[in-house]
Amino acid sequence: MSILRYLAAPPIRFLHRLGTFGLTRTSAFRMLLFHGIEDHEHDAFDRLVAYIAREHGVISPTEAVAESADQDVVRPSWCLPCLFTFDDGFGSNFEVAASILDRYGVKALFFVCPGLTDLEGDMQRQAVARQLFQGRIDAEDLPSGMRLMNWDELCNLKSQGHVIGCHGMRHQRLTEITKEELVEEVEAAGDLLDTRLAQKTDWYAYAFGDIGSIDRLAMEAISRRFRYCRSGVRGANGRQTNRMAFCADSLSPGAPLSYQKLLIEGAVDVLYVRRRRALEAFAVKAAIT
């Protein structure tokens, strides 16, 4: 199935550009969602960052939420600037921040799970296999170098101008836990990040990111503690986007660049209309509760 998608990407991208010819967006941008970037993916990731910086432009987390930023900038709907975000807090994120992102002047948003950051060695690897990979892989089968960033590395990223957000205390699916666990996963996680990083944590990205992993109760908990919430639902963001319902495009550096261009240009956004509406509805209801 992946091969068919990759082969179909160039003609679909061409048709999408043709269908959106002349359409523009004002002050809009896209969030790109990455996870771990393995050593063998560094070259491909470098090419992707270079392409985005050259053809789309990049924005920082601060610029993404600044009310006065680029209020009148008009861009073709398929050529929006991008904000880089990374989920789970893998150690490889720290490496690419120094070796690749810095070279292109990219300031990114890193979502981490402080309850997993606190673990070390085998305990952390067991938790990564169980919580991040949902038991689909055993701890002993994880790549030998796979680990999560430590607190010193997170502080270093922060000092370099990157932003550290919360991804839940232990990466639990918010729709499958009790109210007491929800407090721990959302509020306590944000407080722990505040303490360990000497910051006010404004951003939250709920684990797994799909529309089935969020509901009204979870959104209410997030909105009480955080200023912004990013999902994993595909779509563009703009000045009208609810600040608790940001969309993001998940990308894999291992996929062909032609397929990633298709996603970045929003050619599949139409498939996610209902999910974006549901996400927006959760955010609106949470705001009036």
C-alpha atoms as a PDB file:
ATOM      1  CA  MET A   1       0.000   0.000   0.000  1.00  0.00           C
ATOM      2  CA  SER A   2       2.833   2.411   0.835  1.00  0.00           C
ATOM      3  CA  ILE A   3       4.433   1.792  -2.554  1.00  0.00           C
ATOM      4  CA  LEU A   4       1.172   2.660  -4.314  1.00  0.00           C
ATOM      5  CA  ARG A   5       0.876   5.886  -2.308  1.00  0.00           C
ATOM      6  CA  TYR A   6       4.431   6.835  -3.157  1.00  0.00           C
ATOM      7  CA  LEU A   7       3.923   6.142  -6.870  1.00  0.00           C
ATOM      8  CA  ALA A   8       0.691   8.134  -6.934  1.00  0.00           C
ATOM      9  CA  ALA A   9       2.175  11.139  -5.115  1.00  0.00           C
ATOM     10  CA  PRO A  10       3.588  13.090  -8.117  1.00  0.00           C
ATOM     11  CA  PRO A  11       0.405  13.037 -10.250  1.00  0.00           C
ATOM     12  CA  ILE A  12      -1.835  13.759  -7.232  1.00  0.00           C
ATOM     13  CA  ARG A  13       0.414  16.655  -6.259  1.00  0.00           C
ATOM     14  CA  PHE A  14       0.191  18.031  -9.805  1.00  0.00           C
ATOM     15  CA  LEU A  15      -3.612  17.785  -9.800  1.00  0.00           C
ATOM     16  CA  HIS A  16      -3.791  19.427  -6.380  1.00  0.00           C
ATOM     17  CA  ARG A  17      -1.707  22.375  -7.544  1.00  0.00           C
ATOM     18  CA  LEU A  18      -3.874  22.650 -10.633  1.00  0.00           C
ATOM     19  CA  GLY A  19      -7.056  22.578  -8.557  1.00  0.00           C
ATOM     20  CA  THR A  20      -5.803  25.187  -6.098  1.00  0.00           C
ATOM     21  CA  PHE A  21      -4.271  27.515  -8.681  1.00  0.00           C
ATOM     22  CA  GLY A  22      -4.838  31.101  -7.595  1.00  0.00           C
ATOM     23  CA  LEU A  23      -6.028  30.179  -4.103  1.00  0.00           C
ATOM     24  CA  THR A  24      -4.216  31.967  -1.288  1.00  0.00           C
ATOM     25  CA  ARG A  25      -4.100  31.909   2.520  1.00  0.00           C
ATOM     26  CA  THR A  26      -3.347  34.861   4.775  1.00  0.00           C
ATOM     27  CA  SER A  27      -1.118  34.335   7.804  1.00  0.00           C
ATOM     28  CA  ALA A  28      -1.413  30.551   7.562  1.00  0.00           C
ATOM     29  CA  PHE A  29       1.191  27.920   8.343  1.00  0.00           C
ATOM     30  CA  ARG A  30       1.621  24.185   8.739  1.00  0.00           C
ATOM     31  CA  MET A  31       3.015  22.229  11.654  1.00  0.00           C
ATOM     32  CA  LEU A  32       5.212  19.264  10.759  1.00  0.00           C
ATOM     33  CA  LEU A  33       5.298  16.325  13.171  1.00  0.00           C
ATOM     34  CA  PHE A  34       8.350  14.081  13.519  1.00  0.00           C
ATOM     35  CA  HIS A  35       9.372  11.438  16.013  1.00  0.00           C
ATOM     36  CA  GLY A  36      12.834   9.898  16.284  1.00  0.00           C
ATOM     37  CA  ILE A  37      15.287  10.529  13.431  1.00  0.00           C
ATOM     38  CA  GLU A  38      17.585   7.528  13.146  1.00  0.00           C
ATOM     39  CA  ASP A  39      21.211   7.786  11.989  1.00  0.00           C
ATOM     40  CA  HIS A  40      20.453   6.306   8.568  1.00  0.00           C
ATOM     41  CA  GLU A  41      17.723   8.947   8.066  1.00  0.00           C
ATOM     42  CA  HIS A  42      19.907  11.995   8.709  1.00  0.00           C
ATOM     43  CA  ASP A  43      20.761  12.650   5.062  1.00  0.00           C
ATOM     44  CA  ALA A  44      17.130  12.366   3.977  1.00  0.00           C
ATOM     45  CA  PHE A  45      16.028  14.604   6.847  1.00  0.00           C
ATOM     46  CA  ASP A  46      18.693  17.157   5.905  1.00  0.00           C
ATOM     47  CA  ARG A  47      17.374  17.248   2.335  1.00  0.00           C
ATOM     48  CA  LEU A  48      13.816  17.668   3.600  1.00  0.00           C
ATOM     49  CA  VAL A  49      14.726  20.555   5.914  1.00  0.00           C
ATOM     50  CA  ALA A  50      16.698  22.227   3.125  1.00  0.00           C
ATOM     51  CA  TYR A  51      13.741  21.914   0.756  1.00  0.00           C
ATOM     52  CA  ILE A  52      11.253  23.321   3.269  1.00  0.00           C
ATOM     53  CA  ALA A  53      13.522  26.211   4.238  1.00  0.00           C
ATOM     54  CA  ARG A  54      14.075  27.073   0.578  1.00  0.00           C
ATOM     55  CA  GLU A  55      10.581  26.586  -0.865  1.00  0.00           C
ATOM     56  CA  HIS A  56       8.206  27.184   2.058  1.00  0.00           C
ATOM     57  CA  GLY A  57      10.134  28.988   4.757  1.00  0.00           C
ATOM     58  CA  VAL A  58      10.127  28.136   8.455  1.00  0.00           C
ATOM     59  CA  ILE A  59       8.621  29.827  11.498  1.00  0.00           C
ATOM     60  CA  SER A  60       9.377  29.442  15.191  1.00  0.00           C
ATOM     61  CA  PRO A  61       6.919  28.395  17.928  1.00  0.00           C
ATOM     62  CA  THR A  62       6.821  32.006  19.100  1.00  0.00           C
ATOM     63  CA  GLU A  63       5.999  33.288  15.616  1.00  0.00           C
ATOM     64  CA  ALA A  64       3.262  30.673  15.204  1.00  0.00           C
ATOM     65  CA  VAL A  65       1.202  32.084  18.069  1.00  0.00           C
ATOM     66  CA  ALA A  66       2.155  35.773  17.864  1.00  0.00           C
ATOM     67  CA  GLU A  67      -1.050  37.724  17.279  1.00  0.00           C
ATOM     68  CA  SER A  68       0.707  40.459  15.307  1.00  0.00           C
ATOM     69  CA  ALA A  69       3.036  38.265  13.275  1.00  0.00           C
ATOM     70  CA  ASP A  70       2.607  38.392   9.507  1.00  0.00           C
ATOM     71  CA  GLN A  71      -1.055  39.371   9.756  1.00  0.00           C
ATOM     72  CA  ASP A  72      -1.197  40.410   6.133  1.00  0.00           C
ATOM     73  CA  VAL A  73       1.201  37.932   4.523  1.00  0.00           C
ATOM     74  CA  VAL A  74      -0.534  36.169   1.637  1.00  0.00           C
ATOM     75  CA  ARG A  75       0.861  32.895   0.289  1.00  0.00           C
ATOM     76  CA  PRO A  76      -0.347  30.295  -2.218  1.00  0.00           C
ATOM     77  CA  SER A  77      -2.421  27.764  -0.288  1.00  0.00           C
ATOM     78  CA  TRP A  78       0.035  24.987  -1.195  1.00  0.00           C
ATOM     79  CA  CYS A  79       3.163  26.923  -0.177  1.00  0.00           C
ATOM     80  CA  LEU A  80       2.807  27.782   3.503  1.00  0.00           C
ATOM     81  CA  PRO A  81       5.672  28.286   5.979  1.00  0.00           C
ATOM     82  CA  CYS A  82       6.275  25.407   8.371  1.00  0.00           C
ATOM     83  CA  LEU A  83       6.852  24.925  12.087  1.00  0.00           C
ATOM     84  CA  PHE A  84       8.908  21.859  13.015  1.00  0.00           C
ATOM     85  CA  THR A  85       7.660  19.799  15.968  1.00  0.00           C
ATOM     86  CA  PHE A  86       8.995  16.568  17.470  1.00  0.00           C
ATOM     87  CA  ASP A  87       7.119  14.101  19.666  1.00  0.00           C
ATOM     88  CA  ASP A  88       8.268  11.694  22.402  1.00  0.00           C
ATOM     89  CA  GLY A  89      11.644  13.282  23.206  1.00  0.00           C
ATOM     90  CA  PHE A  90      13.974  10.762  21.587  1.00  0.00           C
ATOM     91  CA  GLY A  91      17.687  11.363  22.025  1.00  0.00           C
ATOM     92  CA  SER A  92      18.061  11.543  18.253  1.00  0.00           C
ATOM     93  CA  ASN A  93      16.085  14.806  18.344  1.00  0.00           C
ATOM     94  CA  PHE A  94      18.889  16.438  20.307  1.00  0.00           C
ATOM     95  CA  GLU A  95      21.408  15.237  17.727  1.00  0.00           C
ATOM     96  CA  VAL A  96      19.537  16.557  14.682  1.00  0.00           C
ATOM     97  CA  ALA A  97      18.844  19.854  16.444  1.00  0.00           C
ATOM     98  CA  ALA A  98      22.585  20.448  16.659  1.00  0.00           C
ATOM     99  CA  SER A  99      23.680  18.894  13.370  1.00  0.00           C
ATOM    100  CA  ILE A 100      20.810  19.876  11.042  1.00  0.00           C
ATOM    101  CA  LEU A 101      18.217  22.269  12.450  1.00  0.00           C
ATOM    102  CA  ASP A 102      20.787  24.764  13.679  1.00  0.00           C
ATOM    103  CA  ARG A 103      22.385  24.930  10.237  1.00  0.00           C
ATOM    104  CA  TYR A 104      19.105  26.128   8.709  1.00  0.00           C
ATOM    105  CA  GLY A 105      18.156  28.425  11.562  1.00  0.00           C
ATOM    106  CA  VAL A 106      15.184  26.264  12.567  1.00  0.00           C
ATOM    107  CA  LYS A 107      13.733  26.746  16.052  1.00  0.00           C
ATOM    108  CA  ALA A 108      11.513  23.789  16.855  1.00  0.00           C
ATOM    109  CA  LEU A 109       8.942  22.604  19.367  1.00  0.00           C
ATOM    110  CA  PHE A 110       9.825  19.411  21.274  1.00  0.00           C
ATOM    111  CA  PHE A 111       7.063  17.545  23.111  1.00  0.00           C
ATOM    112  CA  VAL A 112       8.373  15.289  25.880  1.00  0.00           C
ATOM    113  CA  CYS A 113       6.993  13.009  28.595  1.00  0.00           C
ATOM    114  CA  PRO A 114       8.628  14.073  31.891  1.00  0.00           C
ATOM    115  CA  GLY A 115       7.610  10.885  33.671  1.00  0.00           C
ATOM    116  CA  LEU A 116       9.635   8.890  31.140  1.00  0.00           C
ATOM    117  CA  THR A 117      12.501  11.387  31.108  1.00  0.00           C
ATOM    118  CA  ASP A 118      12.941  10.705  34.823  1.00  0.00           C
ATOM    119  CA  LEU A 119      13.593   7.001  34.139  1.00  0.00           C
ATOM    120  CA  GLU A 120      17.009   5.595  33.283  1.00  0.00           C
ATOM    121  CA  GLY A 121      18.562   2.540  31.655  1.00  0.00           C
ATOM    122  CA  ASP A 122      16.479  -0.623  31.386  1.00  0.00           C
ATOM    123  CA  MET A 123      13.526   0.956  33.173  1.00  0.00           C
ATOM    124  CA  GLN A 124      13.327   3.661  30.526  1.00  0.00           C
ATOM    125  CA  ARG A 125      13.672   1.184  27.657  1.00  0.00           C
ATOM    126  CA  GLN A 126      10.892  -0.949  29.119  1.00  0.00           C
ATOM    127  CA  ALA A 127       8.692   2.136  29.417  1.00  0.00           C
ATOM    128  CA  VAL A 128       9.495   3.240  25.853  1.00  0.00           C
ATOM    129  CA  ALA A 129       8.495  -0.166  24.488  1.00  0.00           C
ATOM    130  CA  ARG A 130       5.336  -0.281  26.591  1.00  0.00           C
ATOM    131  CA  GLN A 131       4.152   3.349  26.394  1.00  0.00           C
ATOM    132  CA  LEU A 132       5.507   4.791  23.141  1.00  0.00           C
ATOM    133  CA  PHE A 133       5.322   1.635  21.023  1.00  0.00           C
ATOM    134  CA  GLN A 134       2.293   0.173  22.840  1.00  0.00           C
ATOM    135  CA  GLY A 135       4.003  -3.194  23.261  1.00  0.00           C
ATOM    136  CA  ARG A 136       4.387  -3.709  19.511  1.00  0.00           C
ATOM    137  CA  ILE A 137       8.089  -4.236  20.125  1.00  0.00           C
ATOM    138  CA  ASP A 138       9.928  -5.664  23.122  1.00  0.00           C
ATOM    139  CA  ALA A 139      12.472  -3.547  24.979  1.00  0.00           C
ATOM    140  CA  GLU A 140      15.304  -5.898  24.025  1.00  0.00           C
ATOM    141  CA  ASP A 141      14.424  -5.451  20.349  1.00  0.00           C
ATOM    142  CA  LEU A 142      14.679  -1.651  20.400  1.00  0.00           C
ATOM    143  CA  PRO A 143      17.707  -0.234  18.552  1.00  0.00           C
ATOM    144  CA  SER A 144      20.672  -0.303  20.918  1.00  0.00           C
ATOM    145  CA  GLY A 145      21.132   3.461  20.783  1.00  0.00           C
ATOM    146  CA  MET A 146      17.486   4.382  21.265  1.00  0.00           C
ATOM    147  CA  ARG A 147      16.931   6.514  24.345  1.00  0.00           C
ATOM    148  CA  LEU A 148      15.095   9.615  25.495  1.00  0.00           C
ATOM    149  CA  MET A 149      16.656  13.024  26.007  1.00  0.00           C
ATOM    150  CA  ASN A 150      17.769  13.771  29.549  1.00  0.00           C
ATOM    151  CA  TRP A 151      17.068  16.944  31.501  1.00  0.00           C
ATOM    152  CA  ASP A 152      20.438  18.502  30.675  1.00  0.00           C
ATOM    153  CA  GLU A 153      19.781  18.057  26.954  1.00  0.00           C
ATOM    154  CA  LEU A 154      16.321  19.573  27.272  1.00  0.00           C
ATOM    155  CA  CYS A 155      17.790  22.561  29.096  1.00  0.00           C
ATOM    156  CA  ASN A 156      20.371  22.867  26.335  1.00  0.00           C
ATOM    157  CA  LEU A 157      17.673  22.884  23.646  1.00  0.00           C
ATOM    158  CA  LYS A 158      15.803  25.551  25.554  1.00  0.00           C
ATOM    159  CA  SER A 159      18.942  27.691  25.805  1.00  0.00           C
ATOM    160  CA  GLN A 160      19.336  27.426  22.017  1.00  0.00           C
ATOM    161  CA  GLY A 161      15.927  28.996  21.449  1.00  0.00           C
ATOM    162  CA  HIS A 162      13.846  25.848  21.020  1.00  0.00           C
ATOM    163  CA  VAL A 163      10.615  25.337  22.978  1.00  0.00           C
ATOM    164  CA  ILE A 164       9.861  22.350  25.212  1.00  0.00           C
ATOM    165  CA  GLY A 165       6.222  21.277  25.401  1.00  0.00           C
ATOM    166  CA  CYS A 166       4.378  18.534  27.273  1.00  0.00           C
ATOM    167  CA  HIS A 167       3.393  15.198  25.723  1.00  0.00           C
ATOM    168  CA  GLY A 168       1.765  13.771  28.832  1.00  0.00           C
ATOM    169  CA  MET A 169       3.430  12.396  31.933  1.00  0.00           C
ATOM    170  CA  ARG A 170       3.831   8.865  30.560  1.00  0.00           C
ATOM    171  CA  HIS A 171       2.353   9.018  27.041  1.00  0.00           C
ATOM    172  CA  GLN A 172      -1.026   7.555  27.965  1.00  0.00           C
ATOM    173  CA  ARG A 173      -4.055   7.703  25.695  1.00  0.00           C
ATOM    174  CA  LEU A 174      -6.211  10.322  27.394  1.00  0.00           C
ATOM    175  CA  THR A 175      -9.505   8.721  26.362  1.00  0.00           C
ATOM    176  CA  GLU A 176      -8.651   5.467  28.153  1.00  0.00           C
ATOM    177  CA  ILE A 177      -7.673   6.669  31.635  1.00  0.00           C
ATOM    178  CA  THR A 178      -9.511   7.729  34.792  1.00  0.00           C
ATOM    179  CA  LYS A 179     -10.093  11.327  35.873  1.00  0.00           C
ATOM    180  CA  GLU A 180      -7.378  10.932  38.510  1.00  0.00           C
ATOM    181  CA  GLU A 181      -4.921   9.645  35.910  1.00  0.00           C
ATOM    182  CA  LEU A 182      -5.932  12.506  33.612  1.00  0.00           C
ATOM    183  CA  VAL A 183      -4.836  15.023  36.237  1.00  0.00           C
ATOM    184  CA  GLU A 184      -1.467  13.262  36.494  1.00  0.00           C
ATOM    185  CA  GLU A 185      -1.050  12.969  32.735  1.00  0.00           C
ATOM    186  CA  VAL A 186      -1.887  16.601  32.023  1.00  0.00           C
ATOM    187  CA  GLU A 187      -1.638  18.972  34.977  1.00  0.00           C
ATOM    188  CA  ALA A 188       1.081  17.229  36.989  1.00  0.00           C
ATOM    189  CA  ALA A 189       3.148  16.664  33.846  1.00  0.00           C
ATOM    190  CA  GLY A 190       3.096  20.363  33.036  1.00  0.00           C
ATOM    191  CA  ASP A 191       4.022  21.262  36.597  1.00  0.00           C
ATOM    192  CA  LEU A 192       6.966  18.849  36.536  1.00  0.00           C
ATOM    193  CA  LEU A 193       8.288  20.382  33.326  1.00  0.00           C
ATOM    194  CA  ASP A 194       7.932  23.839  34.851  1.00  0.00           C
ATOM    195  CA  THR A 195      10.009  22.781  37.845  1.00  0.00           C
ATOM    196  CA  ARG A 196      12.736  20.853  36.047  1.00  0.00           C
ATOM    197  CA  LEU A 197      13.201  23.351  33.201  1.00  0.00           C
ATOM    198  CA  ALA A 198      12.480  26.563  35.134  1.00  0.00           C
ATOM    199  CA  GLN A 199       9.850  27.619  32.624  1.00  0.00           C
ATOM    200  CA  LYS A 200       6.147  28.128  32.112  1.00  0.00           C
ATOM    201  CA  THR A 201       5.067  25.257  29.886  1.00  0.00           C
ATOM    202  CA  ASP A 202       2.424  26.566  27.471  1.00  0.00           C
ATOM    203  CA  TRP A 203       2.243  23.779  24.884  1.00  0.00           C
ATOM    204  CA  TYR A 204       0.631  20.339  25.078  1.00  0.00           C
ATOM    205  CA  ALA A 205       0.436  17.629  22.413  1.00  0.00           C
ATOM    206  CA  TYR A 206      -1.767  14.724  23.415  1.00  0.00           C
ATOM    207  CA  ALA A 207      -0.339  11.226  22.947  1.00  0.00           C
ATOM    208  CA  PHE A 208      -0.981   9.499  19.592  1.00  0.00           C
ATOM    209  CA  GLY A 209      -2.552  12.648  18.138  1.00  0.00           C
ATOM    210  CA  ASP A 210      -5.504  11.061  16.331  1.00  0.00           C
ATOM    211  CA  ILE A 211      -9.102  12.154  16.869  1.00  0.00           C
ATOM    212  CA  GLY A 212      -9.845   8.941  18.765  1.00  0.00           C
ATOM    213  CA  SER A 213      -7.259   9.854  21.406  1.00  0.00           C
ATOM    214  CA  ILE A 214      -8.962  13.071  22.530  1.00  0.00           C
ATOM    215  CA  ASP A 215     -12.415  13.859  23.898  1.00  0.00           C
ATOM    216  CA  ARG A 216     -14.197  16.680  25.693  1.00  0.00           C
ATOM    217  CA  LEU A 217     -12.986  15.743  29.187  1.00  0.00           C
ATOM    218  CA  ALA A 218      -9.381  15.486  28.041  1.00  0.00           C
ATOM    219  CA  MET A 219      -9.588  18.774  26.149  1.00  0.00           C
ATOM    220  CA  GLU A 220     -11.056  20.469  29.212  1.00  0.00           C
ATOM    221  CA  ALA A 221      -8.140  19.226  31.324  1.00  0.00           C
ATOM    222  CA  ILE A 222      -5.620  20.444  28.749  1.00  0.00           C
ATOM    223  CA  SER A 223      -7.259  23.851  28.345  1.00  0.00           C
ATOM    224  CA  ARG A 224      -7.246  24.433  32.108  1.00  0.00           C
ATOM    225  CA  ARG A 225      -3.473  23.969  32.296  1.00  0.00           C
ATOM    226  CA  PHE A 226      -2.037  24.955  28.906  1.00  0.00           C
ATOM    227  CA  ARG A 227      -2.385  27.806  26.427  1.00  0.00           C
ATOM    228  CA  TYR A 228      -1.946  25.755  23.250  1.00  0.00           C
ATOM    229  CA  CYS A 229      -2.664  22.193  22.162  1.00  0.00           C
ATOM    230  CA  ARG A 230      -1.342  20.469  19.053  1.00  0.00           C
ATOM    231  CA  SER A 231      -2.993  17.389  17.594  1.00  0.00           C
ATOM    232  CA  GLY A 232      -1.817  14.956  14.949  1.00  0.00           C
ATOM    233  CA  VAL A 233      -4.784  15.680  12.676  1.00  0.00           C
ATOM    234  CA  ARG A 234      -3.655  16.863   9.248  1.00  0.00           C
ATOM    235  CA  GLY A 235      -4.413  20.377   8.079  1.00  0.00           C
ATOM    236  CA  ALA A 236      -3.202  23.962   7.874  1.00  0.00           C
ATOM    237  CA  ASN A 237      -3.400  26.492  10.700  1.00  0.00           C
ATOM    238  CA  GLY A 238      -4.216  30.181  10.575  1.00  0.00           C
ATOM    239  CA  ARG A 239      -5.368  33.159  12.605  1.00  0.00           C
ATOM    240  CA  GLN A 240      -8.848  31.564  12.901  1.00  0.00           C
ATOM    241  CA  THR A 241      -7.520  28.262  14.241  1.00  0.00           C
ATOM    242  CA  ASN A 242      -8.574  27.536  17.811  1.00  0.00           C
ATOM    243  CA  ARG A 243      -5.416  27.641  19.939  1.00  0.00           C
ATOM    244  CA  MET A 244      -6.392  24.319  21.513  1.00  0.00           C
ATOM    245  CA  ALA A 245      -6.878  22.604  18.149  1.00  0.00           C
ATOM    246  CA  PHE A 246      -3.721  23.061  16.105  1.00  0.00           C
ATOM    247  CA  CYS A 247      -3.272  20.560  13.277  1.00  0.00           C
ATOM    248  CA  ALA A 248      -0.038  18.858  12.230  1.00  0.00           C
ATOM    249  CA  ASP A 249       1.272  16.722   9.383  1.00  0.00           C
ATOM    250  CA  SER A 250       3.136  13.608  10.473  1.00  0.00           C
ATOM    251  CA  LEU A 251       6.161  12.968   8.259  1.00  0.00           C
ATOM    252  CA  SER A 252       8.683  10.151   8.024  1.00  0.00           C
ATOM    253  CA  PRO A 253      12.148  11.053   6.672  1.00  0.00           C
ATOM    254  CA  GLY A 254      12.342   7.545   5.229  1.00  0.00           C
ATOM    255  CA  ALA A 255       9.501   8.228   2.792  1.00  0.00           C
ATOM    256  CA  PRO A 256      10.253   9.566  -0.708  1.00  0.00           C
ATOM    257  CA  LEU A 257      10.587  13.351  -0.846  1.00  0.00           C
ATOM    258  CA  SER A 258       7.868  13.487  -3.514  1.00  0.00           C
ATOM    259  CA  TYR A 259       5.384  11.958  -1.057  1.00  0.00           C
ATOM    260  CA  GLN A 260       6.388  14.328   1.712  1.00  0.00           C
ATOM    261  CA  LYS A 261       5.920  17.294  -0.632  1.00  0.00           C
ATOM    262  CA  LEU A 262       2.385  16.041  -1.272  1.00  0.00           C
ATOM    263  CA  LEU A 263       1.601  16.109   2.455  1.00  0.00           C
ATOM    264  CA  ILE A 264       3.289  19.451   3.121  1.00  0.00           C
ATOM    265  CA  GLU A 265       1.300  21.077   0.319  1.00  0.00           C
ATOM    266  CA  GLY A 266      -1.979  19.901   1.856  1.00  0.00           C
ATOM    267  CA  ALA A 267      -3.059  17.612  -0.957  1.00  0.00           C
ATOM    268  CA  VAL A 268      -4.696  15.146   1.455  1.00  0.00           C
ATOM    269  CA  ASP A 269      -6.275  17.736   3.786  1.00  0.00           C
ATOM    270  CA  VAL A 270      -9.704  17.070   2.294  1.00  0.00           C
ATOM    271  CA  LEU A 271      -9.631  13.576   3.806  1.00  0.00           C
ATOM    272  CA  TYR A 272      -9.419  15.031   7.321  1.00  0.00           C
ATOM    273  CA  VAL A 273     -12.211  17.617   7.238  1.00  0.00           C
ATOM    274  CA  ARG A 274     -14.494  15.716   9.630  1.00  0.00           C
ATOM    275  CA  ARG A 275     -11.683  15.055  12.063  1.00  0.00           C
ATOM    276  CA  ARG A 276     -10.687  18.727  12.087  1.00  0.00           C
ATOM    277  CA  ARG A 277     -14.292  19.711  12.767  1.00  0.00           C
ATOM    278  CA  ALA A 278     -14.522  17.217  15.629  1.00  0.00           C
ATOM    279  CA  LEU A 279     -11.274  18.534  17.107  1.00  0.00           C
ATOM    280  CA  GLU A 280     -12.523  22.105  16.853  1.00  0.00           C
ATOM    281  CA  ALA A 281     -15.797  21.121  18.523  1.00  0.00           C
ATOM    282  CA  PHE A 282     -13.944  19.604  21.489  1.00  0.00           C
ATOM    283  CA  ALA A 283     -11.900  22.792  21.843  1.00  0.00           C
ATOM    284  CA  VAL A 284     -14.932  25.084  21.650  1.00  0.00           C
ATOM    285  CA  LYS A 285     -16.898  23.063  24.212  1.00  0.00           C
ATOM    286  CA  ALA A 286     -13.901  22.976  26.557  1.00  0.00           C
ATOM    287  CA  ALA A 287     -13.655  26.759  26.404  1.00  0.00           C
ATOM    288  CA  ILE A 288     -17.232  27.276  27.603  1.00  0.00           C
ATOM    289  CA  THR A 289     -17.182  24.671  30.366  1.00  0.00           C
END
